[in-house]
Protein backbone atom coordinates (compact mmCIF):
# COMPACT_ATOMS: atom_id res chain seq x y z
CA MET A 1 38.59 -122.89 75.40
CA PRO A 2 39.25 -125.47 72.68
CA PRO A 3 41.59 -124.38 69.88
CA LYS A 4 39.99 -123.27 66.64
CA LYS A 5 40.06 -125.74 63.81
CA PRO A 6 41.83 -124.53 60.68
CA VAL A 7 39.45 -123.33 57.98
CA LYS A 8 39.74 -125.41 54.83
CA ALA A 9 39.53 -123.68 51.47
CA PRO A 10 36.45 -124.73 49.55
CA ILE A 11 37.17 -127.36 46.96
CA GLN A 12 36.36 -126.01 43.51
CA SER A 13 34.83 -128.28 40.98
CA ALA A 14 36.58 -128.88 37.67
CA ARG A 15 33.72 -127.00 35.99
CA GLU A 16 34.35 -123.89 38.15
CA VAL A 17 38.06 -123.97 37.42
CA GLU A 18 37.39 -124.31 33.70
CA GLU A 19 34.89 -121.45 33.82
CA LYS A 20 37.42 -119.11 35.49
CA TYR A 21 40.07 -120.16 33.00
CA ARG A 22 37.66 -119.46 30.11
CA GLN A 23 36.80 -116.00 31.48
CA LEU A 24 40.46 -115.03 31.75
CA PHE A 25 41.23 -116.64 28.39
CA ASP A 26 38.50 -114.73 26.56
CA ALA A 27 39.09 -111.45 28.42
CA ALA A 28 42.58 -111.11 26.92
CA THR A 29 42.83 -108.44 24.21
CA ASP A 30 45.59 -110.34 22.40
CA MET A 31 44.83 -113.44 20.34
CA ILE A 32 45.63 -116.75 22.06
CA PHE A 33 46.08 -120.04 20.17
CA LEU A 34 46.76 -123.50 21.61
CA ARG A 35 48.23 -125.58 18.75
CA ASP A 36 49.85 -128.85 17.86
CA PRO A 37 53.48 -127.79 17.08
CA GLU A 38 53.82 -130.33 14.28
CA LYS A 39 50.45 -130.42 12.54
CA GLY A 40 49.26 -126.95 13.55
CA THR A 41 45.91 -128.28 14.79
CA LEU A 42 44.13 -125.74 17.01
CA LEU A 43 43.08 -127.15 20.37
CA ASP A 44 41.64 -123.85 21.60
CA VAL A 45 41.38 -120.15 20.66
CA ASN A 46 40.15 -117.17 22.63
CA ALA A 47 37.47 -114.61 21.75
CA ALA A 48 40.01 -112.05 20.47
CA ALA A 49 41.32 -114.57 17.92
CA TYR A 50 38.04 -115.43 16.27
CA ARG A 51 36.88 -111.80 16.48
CA LEU A 52 39.99 -110.39 14.76
CA LEU A 53 40.17 -113.21 12.20
CA GLY A 54 36.45 -113.05 11.37
CA TYR A 55 35.64 -116.69 12.13
CA GLY A 56 33.22 -118.31 14.54
CA ARG A 57 34.84 -120.15 17.43
CA ASP A 58 33.59 -123.50 16.19
CA GLU A 59 35.18 -122.81 12.79
CA LEU A 60 38.61 -122.46 14.34
CA LEU A 61 38.58 -125.36 16.80
CA TRP A 62 40.60 -128.29 15.37
CA ALA A 63 41.34 -126.23 12.25
CA ASP A 64 44.87 -125.98 10.82
CA TYR A 65 46.67 -122.92 12.25
CA PHE A 66 48.97 -122.78 9.22
CA THR A 67 45.98 -121.99 6.96
CA LEU A 68 45.57 -118.74 8.93
CA LEU A 69 48.94 -117.51 7.67
CA ALA A 70 49.14 -115.32 4.57
CA ASN A 71 51.43 -117.44 2.38
CA ASP A 72 53.95 -120.28 2.22
CA ALA A 73 56.80 -118.06 3.37
CA GLU A 74 54.84 -117.15 6.53
CA ARG A 75 54.02 -120.84 7.13
CA ALA A 76 57.69 -121.80 6.82
CA GLU A 77 58.64 -118.98 9.22
CA ALA A 78 56.01 -120.19 11.71
CA ARG A 79 57.46 -123.73 11.69
CA ARG A 80 60.93 -122.29 12.33
CA GLY A 81 59.44 -120.31 15.22
CA PHE A 82 57.88 -123.44 16.70
CA ALA A 83 61.22 -125.28 16.49
CA GLU A 84 63.03 -122.36 18.17
CA ALA A 85 60.44 -122.22 20.95
CA LEU A 86 60.75 -125.97 21.59
CA GLU A 87 64.52 -125.65 21.74
CA GLN A 88 64.83 -122.41 23.77
CA GLY A 89 61.60 -122.41 25.79
CA SER A 90 60.00 -119.48 23.90
CA ALA A 91 60.35 -117.49 20.71
CA THR A 92 58.89 -114.21 19.45
CA GLY A 93 58.61 -113.08 15.86
CA PRO A 94 56.47 -111.31 13.28
CA ALA A 95 53.70 -112.97 11.29
CA VAL A 96 51.20 -111.96 8.64
CA LEU A 97 47.79 -113.46 9.42
CA LYS A 98 44.90 -113.87 6.99
CA ARG A 99 41.29 -113.13 7.90
CA LYS A 100 38.32 -115.14 6.71
CA ASP A 101 37.57 -112.45 4.07
CA GLY A 102 41.10 -112.81 2.65
CA SER A 103 42.51 -109.56 4.03
CA THR A 104 45.78 -109.70 5.94
CA PHE A 105 47.32 -107.92 8.91
CA GLU A 106 50.61 -107.90 10.76
CA ALA A 107 50.97 -109.44 14.19
CA GLU A 108 53.69 -110.17 16.71
CA VAL A 109 53.52 -113.79 17.93
CA ARG A 110 55.13 -115.17 21.09
CA ASN A 111 55.28 -118.98 21.13
CA THR A 112 55.76 -120.97 24.35
CA PRO A 113 55.57 -124.79 24.61
CA VAL A 114 53.22 -126.13 27.33
CA ARG A 115 52.60 -129.72 28.47
CA ILE A 116 48.98 -130.82 28.82
CA ALA A 117 48.07 -134.42 29.74
CA GLY A 118 51.53 -135.58 28.77
CA LYS A 119 51.50 -133.94 25.35
CA VAL A 120 53.43 -130.83 24.31
CA TRP A 121 51.31 -128.07 22.77
CA MET A 122 52.37 -124.67 21.48
CA LEU A 123 50.76 -121.69 23.24
CA GLY A 124 50.81 -118.66 20.94
CA ILE A 125 49.95 -115.11 22.01
CA ALA A 126 49.57 -112.82 19.00
CA ARG A 127 49.22 -109.05 19.15
CA ASP A 128 47.55 -107.19 16.26
CA LEU A 129 50.07 -104.60 15.02
CA THR A 130 47.68 -102.76 12.66
CA ALA A 131 47.25 -99.70 14.88
CA GLN A 132 50.94 -99.69 15.79
CA ARG A 133 51.98 -99.91 12.14
CA GLN A 134 49.62 -97.05 11.26
CA LEU A 135 51.17 -94.93 14.01
CA GLU A 136 54.65 -95.87 12.81
CA ARG A 137 53.81 -94.96 9.21
CA ARG A 138 52.24 -91.70 10.34
CA ALA A 139 55.22 -90.90 12.53
CA LEU A 140 57.57 -91.71 9.65
CA ALA A 141 55.58 -89.47 7.30
CA PHE A 142 55.72 -86.60 9.80
CA TYR A 143 59.43 -87.16 10.34
CA GLN A 144 60.09 -87.20 6.59
CA ALA A 145 58.10 -83.96 6.27
CA PHE A 146 60.18 -82.51 9.12
CA ARG A 147 63.51 -83.60 7.61
CA ASN A 148 62.67 -82.58 4.02
CA SER A 149 60.86 -79.29 4.69
CA ASN A 150 62.24 -76.24 2.89
CA ASP A 151 61.72 -74.26 6.10
CA SER A 152 64.31 -74.46 8.87
CA MET A 153 62.83 -76.70 11.58
CA PHE A 154 63.95 -77.96 14.96
CA TYR A 155 62.36 -79.90 17.79
CA THR A 156 63.07 -79.25 21.47
CA ASP A 157 62.08 -81.12 24.61
CA ARG A 158 59.96 -79.55 27.33
CA ASN A 159 63.10 -77.93 28.80
CA GLY A 160 63.89 -76.19 25.51
CA ILE A 161 66.86 -78.38 24.55
CA ILE A 162 67.17 -79.15 20.84
CA GLN A 163 66.50 -82.83 20.09
CA ASP A 164 66.68 -82.69 16.29
CA VAL A 165 67.05 -80.24 13.39
CA ASN A 166 66.26 -80.70 9.72
CA ASP A 167 68.51 -80.31 6.70
CA ALA A 168 67.20 -76.81 5.89
CA PHE A 169 68.25 -75.64 9.37
CA VAL A 170 71.74 -77.04 8.83
CA ARG A 171 72.04 -75.30 5.44
CA ARG A 172 70.65 -71.92 6.54
CA PHE A 173 72.15 -71.49 9.99
CA GLY A 174 75.44 -73.33 9.46
CA TYR A 175 75.26 -75.63 12.51
CA SER A 176 75.63 -79.35 11.89
CA ARG A 177 73.07 -81.66 13.46
CA GLU A 178 75.65 -82.78 16.00
CA GLU A 179 76.47 -79.17 16.93
CA ALA A 180 72.82 -78.17 17.39
CA VAL A 181 71.41 -81.18 19.25
CA GLY A 182 71.69 -80.80 23.00
CA ARG A 183 71.90 -77.00 22.87
CA SER A 184 69.38 -74.20 23.37
CA PRO A 185 67.69 -72.44 20.41
CA ARG A 186 69.36 -69.29 21.71
CA ILE A 187 72.31 -70.22 19.49
CA VAL A 188 70.36 -68.52 16.66
CA ARG A 189 69.11 -65.58 18.76
CA SER A 190 70.20 -62.15 17.55
CA ARG A 191 70.60 -58.88 19.44
CA HIS A 192 67.26 -57.74 17.99
CA THR A 193 65.25 -60.28 19.99
CA THR A 194 64.74 -58.66 23.38
CA ASP A 195 63.75 -60.34 26.64
CA GLU A 196 60.34 -58.66 26.31
CA ILE A 197 59.78 -60.39 22.95
CA TYR A 198 60.76 -63.75 24.45
CA LYS A 199 58.45 -63.21 27.41
CA ALA A 200 55.48 -62.48 25.15
CA LEU A 201 56.42 -65.35 22.84
CA TRP A 202 56.54 -67.97 25.59
CA GLY A 203 53.43 -66.55 27.20
CA ASP A 204 51.46 -67.43 24.06
CA ILE A 205 53.10 -70.85 23.59
CA LEU A 206 52.53 -72.01 27.17
CA SER A 207 48.97 -70.69 27.26
CA PRO A 208 46.45 -73.61 27.27
CA GLU A 209 44.07 -71.47 25.22
CA LYS A 210 46.60 -70.65 22.48
CA GLY A 211 49.56 -73.03 22.54
CA HIS A 212 51.49 -71.42 19.69
CA TRP A 213 53.24 -68.24 18.53
CA ARG A 214 53.86 -66.82 15.08
CA GLY A 215 55.76 -63.69 14.17
CA ARG A 216 58.75 -62.11 12.46
CA LEU A 217 62.15 -62.28 14.13
CA ILE A 218 65.72 -61.60 13.09
CA ASN A 219 67.87 -64.67 13.79
CA ARG A 220 71.63 -65.13 13.53
CA THR A 221 73.60 -67.82 11.71
CA LYS A 222 76.75 -69.50 13.01
CA SER A 223 78.82 -67.07 10.91
CA GLY A 224 77.04 -64.05 12.43
CA GLU A 225 74.82 -63.23 9.43
CA GLU A 226 71.42 -61.83 10.42
CA VAL A 227 68.42 -63.55 8.84
CA SER A 228 64.85 -62.26 8.83
CA VAL A 229 62.45 -65.16 9.44
CA LEU A 230 58.75 -65.76 9.93
CA LEU A 231 58.90 -68.03 12.97
CA SER A 232 56.16 -70.40 14.12
CA ILE A 233 56.48 -72.29 17.44
CA THR A 234 53.90 -74.84 18.61
CA ALA A 235 53.69 -76.76 21.87
CA VAL A 236 53.50 -80.56 21.47
CA ARG A 237 51.20 -82.25 23.99
CA ASP A 238 50.72 -85.90 24.98
CA ALA A 239 47.43 -87.78 25.47
CA ALA A 240 47.14 -86.29 28.98
CA ASP A 241 47.47 -82.77 27.50
CA ARG A 242 50.91 -82.28 29.07
CA ILE A 243 53.55 -80.37 27.13
CA VAL A 244 56.30 -82.76 26.05
CA GLY A 245 58.16 -80.54 23.59
CA PHE A 246 58.07 -77.75 21.03
CA VAL A 247 58.37 -77.74 17.25
CA SER A 248 59.65 -74.61 15.51
CA SER A 249 59.53 -73.68 11.84
CA ALA A 250 61.37 -70.65 10.42
CA PHE A 251 60.51 -69.37 6.94
CA ASP A 252 63.40 -67.36 5.46
CA MET A 253 62.08 -63.89 4.58
CA THR A 254 65.35 -62.62 3.06
CA GLU A 255 64.41 -62.97 -0.61
CA ILE A 256 60.83 -61.77 -0.11
CA GLU A 257 61.93 -58.67 1.80
CA SER A 258 64.57 -57.93 -0.85
CA LEU A 259 61.93 -58.32 -3.56
CA ASN A 260 59.54 -56.07 -1.63
CA ARG A 261 62.21 -53.39 -1.34
CA ARG A 262 62.86 -53.53 -5.09
CA LEU A 263 59.14 -53.52 -5.80
CA SER A 264 58.58 -50.59 -3.45
CA LYS A 265 61.40 -48.68 -5.14
CA SER A 266 59.92 -49.48 -8.55
CA GLU A 267 56.46 -48.37 -7.42
CA SER A 268 57.93 -45.18 -5.97
CA LEU A 269 59.66 -44.40 -9.25
CA ALA A 270 56.44 -45.15 -11.15
CA ALA A 271 54.51 -42.88 -8.78
CA VAL A 272 57.06 -40.12 -9.26
CA GLY A 273 56.70 -40.50 -13.03
CA ALA A 274 52.92 -40.38 -12.83
CA MET A 275 53.08 -37.40 -10.48
CA ALA A 276 55.43 -35.55 -12.82
CA ALA A 277 53.17 -36.18 -15.82
CA VAL A 278 50.02 -35.03 -14.02
CA LEU A 279 51.81 -32.07 -12.45
CA ALA A 280 53.17 -30.95 -15.83
CA HIS A 281 49.70 -31.17 -17.36
CA GLU A 282 47.94 -29.39 -14.50
CA ILE A 283 50.53 -26.59 -14.33
CA ARG A 284 50.91 -26.08 -18.08
CA ASN A 285 47.25 -25.14 -18.68
CA PRO A 286 46.80 -22.44 -16.01
CA LEU A 287 50.35 -21.23 -16.61
CA GLY A 288 49.55 -20.76 -20.31
CA SER A 289 46.43 -18.81 -19.41
CA LEU A 290 48.41 -16.63 -17.01
CA VAL A 291 51.10 -15.87 -19.61
CA THR A 292 48.50 -15.00 -22.25
CA ALA A 293 46.47 -12.81 -19.88
CA ALA A 294 49.58 -11.01 -18.61
CA ALA A 295 50.73 -10.29 -22.18
CA SER A 296 47.31 -8.96 -23.13
CA LEU A 297 47.15 -6.71 -20.09
CA GLY A 298 50.31 -5.01 -21.33
CA ARG A 299 48.57 -3.70 -24.48
CA PRO A 300 47.91 0.07 -24.25
CA ASP A 301 44.80 -0.16 -26.45
CA LEU A 302 43.08 -2.81 -24.27
CA PRO A 303 39.41 -1.88 -23.58
CA PRO A 304 38.50 -1.48 -19.89
CA ASP A 305 35.99 -4.38 -20.01
CA ASP A 306 38.62 -6.75 -21.38
CA ARG A 307 41.06 -5.61 -18.73
CA GLY A 308 38.59 -6.65 -16.00
CA ALA A 309 37.98 -10.03 -17.65
CA LEU A 310 41.71 -10.71 -17.97
CA THR A 311 42.26 -9.73 -14.35
CA ASN A 312 39.61 -12.27 -13.39
CA VAL A 313 41.45 -14.90 -15.48
CA LEU A 314 44.65 -14.14 -13.59
CA ARG A 315 42.84 -14.52 -10.29
CA THR A 316 41.07 -17.78 -11.26
CA GLU A 317 44.06 -19.50 -12.84
CA SER A 318 46.36 -18.45 -10.00
CA ARG A 319 43.97 -20.02 -7.51
CA ARG A 320 43.74 -23.17 -9.64
CA LEU A 321 47.54 -23.38 -9.77
CA SER A 322 47.76 -22.88 -6.01
CA ASP A 323 45.14 -25.58 -5.36
CA THR A 324 47.01 -28.02 -7.62
CA LEU A 325 50.32 -27.48 -5.84
CA THR A 326 48.61 -27.76 -2.45
CA GLN A 327 47.15 -31.16 -3.38
CA PHE A 328 50.53 -32.42 -4.56
CA LEU A 329 52.21 -31.28 -1.37
CA GLN A 330 49.50 -32.91 0.75
CA TYR A 331 50.06 -36.20 -1.06
CA ALA A 332 53.86 -36.06 -1.32
CA ARG A 333 54.48 -34.79 2.23
CA PRO A 334 51.56 -35.87 4.43
CA ARG A 335 51.65 -34.61 7.99
CA GLU A 336 50.42 -36.37 11.08
CA PRO A 337 46.98 -35.18 12.22
CA LYS A 338 47.03 -32.70 15.09
CA LEU A 339 44.36 -34.11 17.38
CA GLU A 340 42.60 -31.37 19.30
CA LEU A 341 39.10 -31.15 20.73
CA ALA A 342 36.89 -29.76 17.96
CA ASP A 343 33.24 -29.62 16.87
CA LEU A 344 32.67 -31.67 13.71
CA ALA A 345 29.15 -30.30 13.23
CA ALA A 346 30.58 -26.76 13.29
CA VAL A 347 33.26 -27.71 10.73
CA LEU A 348 30.60 -29.18 8.43
CA THR A 349 28.49 -26.04 8.84
CA GLU A 350 31.49 -23.87 7.85
CA VAL A 351 32.08 -25.95 4.73
CA ALA A 352 28.40 -25.70 3.74
CA ALA A 353 28.42 -21.92 4.27
CA LEU A 354 31.57 -21.56 2.15
CA LEU A 355 30.01 -23.50 -0.72
CA ARG A 356 26.71 -21.60 -0.53
CA SER A 357 28.65 -18.37 -0.89
CA ASP A 358 30.24 -19.63 -4.11
CA LYS A 359 27.43 -19.59 -6.65
CA GLY A 360 29.83 -20.74 -9.34
CA ALA A 361 30.52 -23.97 -7.48
CA LEU A 362 26.98 -24.56 -6.24
CA GLY A 363 24.95 -23.53 -9.30
CA LYS A 364 21.34 -24.67 -8.88
CA VAL A 365 22.24 -27.56 -6.57
CA ARG A 366 20.26 -27.69 -3.34
CA LEU A 367 22.59 -28.19 -0.36
CA THR A 368 21.04 -29.40 2.92
CA LEU A 369 22.64 -30.01 6.31
CA LYS A 370 21.50 -31.99 9.34
CA ALA A 371 23.64 -32.56 12.44
CA ASP A 372 22.75 -34.84 15.36
CA ALA A 373 22.75 -33.00 18.71
CA ALA A 374 24.29 -36.12 20.29
CA LEU A 375 27.52 -35.45 18.37
CA LYS A 376 29.74 -33.67 20.88
CA PRO A 377 33.27 -32.26 20.36
CA PHE A 378 36.00 -34.93 20.12
CA PRO A 379 39.73 -34.98 19.19
CA PHE A 380 40.48 -34.61 15.46
CA ASP A 381 42.44 -32.33 13.12
CA ALA A 382 39.81 -29.78 12.09
CA ASP A 383 41.87 -28.31 9.22
CA GLN A 384 42.57 -31.70 7.63
CA VAL A 385 39.01 -32.98 8.02
CA ARG A 386 37.60 -29.70 6.66
CA GLN A 387 39.66 -30.20 3.49
CA VAL A 388 38.53 -33.84 3.22
CA LEU A 389 34.86 -32.89 3.44
CA LEU A 390 35.31 -30.02 0.98
CA ASN A 391 36.99 -32.33 -1.57
CA ILE A 392 34.25 -34.95 -1.36
CA ILE A 393 31.43 -32.38 -1.56
CA LEU A 394 33.07 -30.65 -4.55
CA ASN A 395 33.25 -34.05 -6.29
CA ALA A 396 29.53 -34.50 -5.65
CA LEU A 397 28.75 -31.04 -7.03
CA GLN A 398 30.81 -31.71 -10.15
CA ALA A 399 28.95 -35.00 -10.69
CA LEU A 400 25.61 -33.13 -10.55
CA ALA A 401 26.69 -30.65 -13.26
CA GLY A 402 24.90 -27.67 -11.71
CA LYS A 403 21.55 -29.18 -10.67
CA GLY A 404 20.32 -31.71 -8.17
CA ARG A 405 20.64 -32.23 -4.42
CA VAL A 406 23.48 -32.84 -1.96
CA ALA A 407 22.50 -33.85 1.58
CA LEU A 408 25.04 -33.48 4.38
CA SER A 409 24.50 -35.17 7.74
CA ALA A 410 26.54 -35.85 10.86
CA GLU A 411 25.70 -38.39 13.55
CA VAL A 412 27.12 -40.73 16.19
CA ARG A 413 27.44 -44.32 14.96
CA ASP A 414 28.93 -47.17 17.05
CA GLY A 415 31.49 -45.03 18.84
CA HIS A 416 32.34 -43.03 15.73
CA ALA A 417 31.38 -39.75 14.18
CA ALA A 418 29.80 -40.40 10.78
CA VAL A 419 29.54 -37.67 8.14
CA VAL A 420 27.40 -38.70 5.16
CA ILE A 421 27.63 -36.80 1.86
CA ALA A 422 24.83 -38.06 -0.40
CA ASP A 423 23.91 -36.82 -3.89
CA ASP A 424 21.22 -37.78 -6.39
CA GLY A 425 23.61 -37.76 -9.34
CA PRO A 426 24.37 -40.41 -11.96
CA GLY A 427 26.27 -42.77 -9.62
CA ILE A 428 29.74 -44.25 -10.11
CA PRO A 429 30.37 -47.01 -12.71
CA ARG A 430 31.77 -50.29 -11.36
CA GLU A 431 35.08 -49.97 -13.22
CA VAL A 432 35.63 -46.52 -11.70
CA GLN A 433 34.72 -47.70 -8.18
CA LYS A 434 37.69 -50.08 -8.16
CA ARG A 435 40.15 -47.21 -8.66
CA LEU A 436 38.31 -44.53 -6.71
CA PHE A 437 41.08 -43.90 -4.16
CA GLU A 438 43.98 -44.63 -6.51
CA PRO A 439 46.42 -41.68 -6.78
CA PHE A 440 46.50 -39.84 -10.14
CA HIS A 441 43.46 -41.72 -11.47
CA THR A 442 40.74 -39.35 -12.66
CA THR A 443 37.89 -39.41 -15.16
CA LYS A 444 37.72 -35.61 -15.37
CA GLU A 445 39.25 -33.41 -18.05
CA ARG A 446 40.79 -31.34 -15.28
CA GLY A 447 42.10 -32.63 -11.99
CA THR A 448 45.07 -34.37 -10.43
CA GLY A 449 43.29 -37.50 -9.26
CA LEU A 450 44.65 -36.84 -5.77
CA GLY A 451 41.59 -35.46 -3.98
CA LEU A 452 40.16 -38.78 -2.79
CA ALA A 453 43.62 -40.35 -2.35
CA VAL A 454 44.57 -37.54 0.05
CA ALA A 455 41.16 -37.77 1.76
CA GLU A 456 41.55 -41.49 2.39
CA ARG A 457 45.09 -41.01 3.72
CA VAL A 458 43.96 -38.29 6.14
CA VAL A 459 40.99 -40.30 7.42
CA SER A 460 43.16 -43.43 7.83
CA ALA A 461 45.69 -41.41 9.82
CA HIS A 462 42.82 -40.53 12.18
CA GLY A 463 42.06 -44.25 12.59
CA GLY A 464 38.93 -43.98 10.45
CA ARG A 465 37.82 -44.97 6.98
CA ILE A 466 35.66 -43.85 4.06
CA LEU A 467 32.72 -45.96 2.87
CA VAL A 468 31.13 -45.58 -0.56
CA GLU A 469 27.65 -46.65 -1.63
CA THR A 470 26.51 -45.94 -5.17
CA ASP A 471 23.59 -46.80 -7.43
CA LEU A 472 23.80 -46.00 -11.13
CA GLY A 473 21.17 -43.43 -12.05
CA ARG A 474 20.18 -42.78 -8.43
CA GLY A 475 23.22 -41.28 -6.72
CA THR A 476 26.19 -41.83 -4.43
CA ALA A 477 26.79 -41.59 -0.69
CA PHE A 478 30.24 -41.16 0.88
CA THR A 479 30.46 -41.87 4.62
CA VAL A 480 33.46 -40.56 6.55
CA LEU A 481 33.93 -42.44 9.85
CA LEU A 482 36.15 -40.93 12.54
CA PRO A 483 36.71 -42.56 15.96
CA LEU A 484 35.37 -40.50 18.86
CA SER A 485 38.24 -41.82 20.99
CA PRO A 486 41.80 -42.01 19.57
CA GLY A 487 42.89 -45.62 19.07
CA ASP A 488 39.44 -46.95 18.15
CA THR A 489 38.92 -48.21 14.59
CA PRO A 490 35.64 -48.57 12.71
């Protein structure tokens, strides 16, 4: 069998070679210039060059490269770059190029001399630095914000090792930048931050759905001082959505918490003062009536009819005094609700029966009651809720001034028991609505202003709330919402 003849590679025509060269030349994303190193005449440019500079290709061929530079200083620098490239074989440096519309942009130019047909030309590859400069400026702005923030900030790598801290961190926690970098953030951990807190914290930060954590912690300075901070930690991800580090920001809560304590103390003192003033007023009046009635009862010549009237005064004012003190005690020393299975409809029925038996309280007001059969017994404090309902209904009766209608209803509403107390009275003015549940605020001649404040506190302790709807001239409806299952909120 004769040996195989070697296969010769096909001979490419000069046109084919030029076409392949042109495809590669124009496919480059960087600008490519082929120039005369002395005169700057452009022998060739690629597609990226005329696209980024805003010229047509024919406009650039045989044009002067130096006219594409922003100013004389750039042209002088380019000539120095050409000389360096001719001497050393290549040279790289910055340049500011000018587009056809006159705008400029930064580029990095690498010059390499090449010999073509016996003549030396300068091959320049220029990379547009616009996007890079924008990223650099943005990174610098973020870094300046990091360094100059009033909050204590530090950046850790993906392994939790501190890479940098800002000046506020150095000032607040006492560690120099050199002492902190390379160490774990646990250097500021206090005994109050348990492993359970850390587990929950990192669970949120590493979660793809969340990626951050925010909460209050007590940290520790280098000297051992404990500092209350509002800490925010966010995972930093790269373009592939991989975690590359974590940035933490700690807002010092020390001054705010100190201010809140002083404010709370001030408010407490103000509340005590208001309570004392109201209590003095509410006790003085019935006490005066009691003293007067008791003195009159001691007269031997007192007619029998007057004796009965004075006895009634003693009974009425004593009850008023007792009710006043009860309200103050309920507000000053609230107790936790005792949740036991009870029938809310039955409690509401008891309250309605009590009011119907008191003609003095009810007058000519028509009191109606409707309870939904779907409302079954559920856990609540029957004594506390009974008092809440009684207070709200008595307010409605007082607003009606002896005539009108109060409709009571109880139903199941979105997992809650809803008791609605609706009247057809005058309604509540807007300015009064804003302070409706404010302690010691009342528009009545008599009263402590604690009835609704206590009611709201009791209902809130049950996990519920009180809603108010009112229409001037048409009436008001209070809705008491109580969760059918402890832990639910309306």
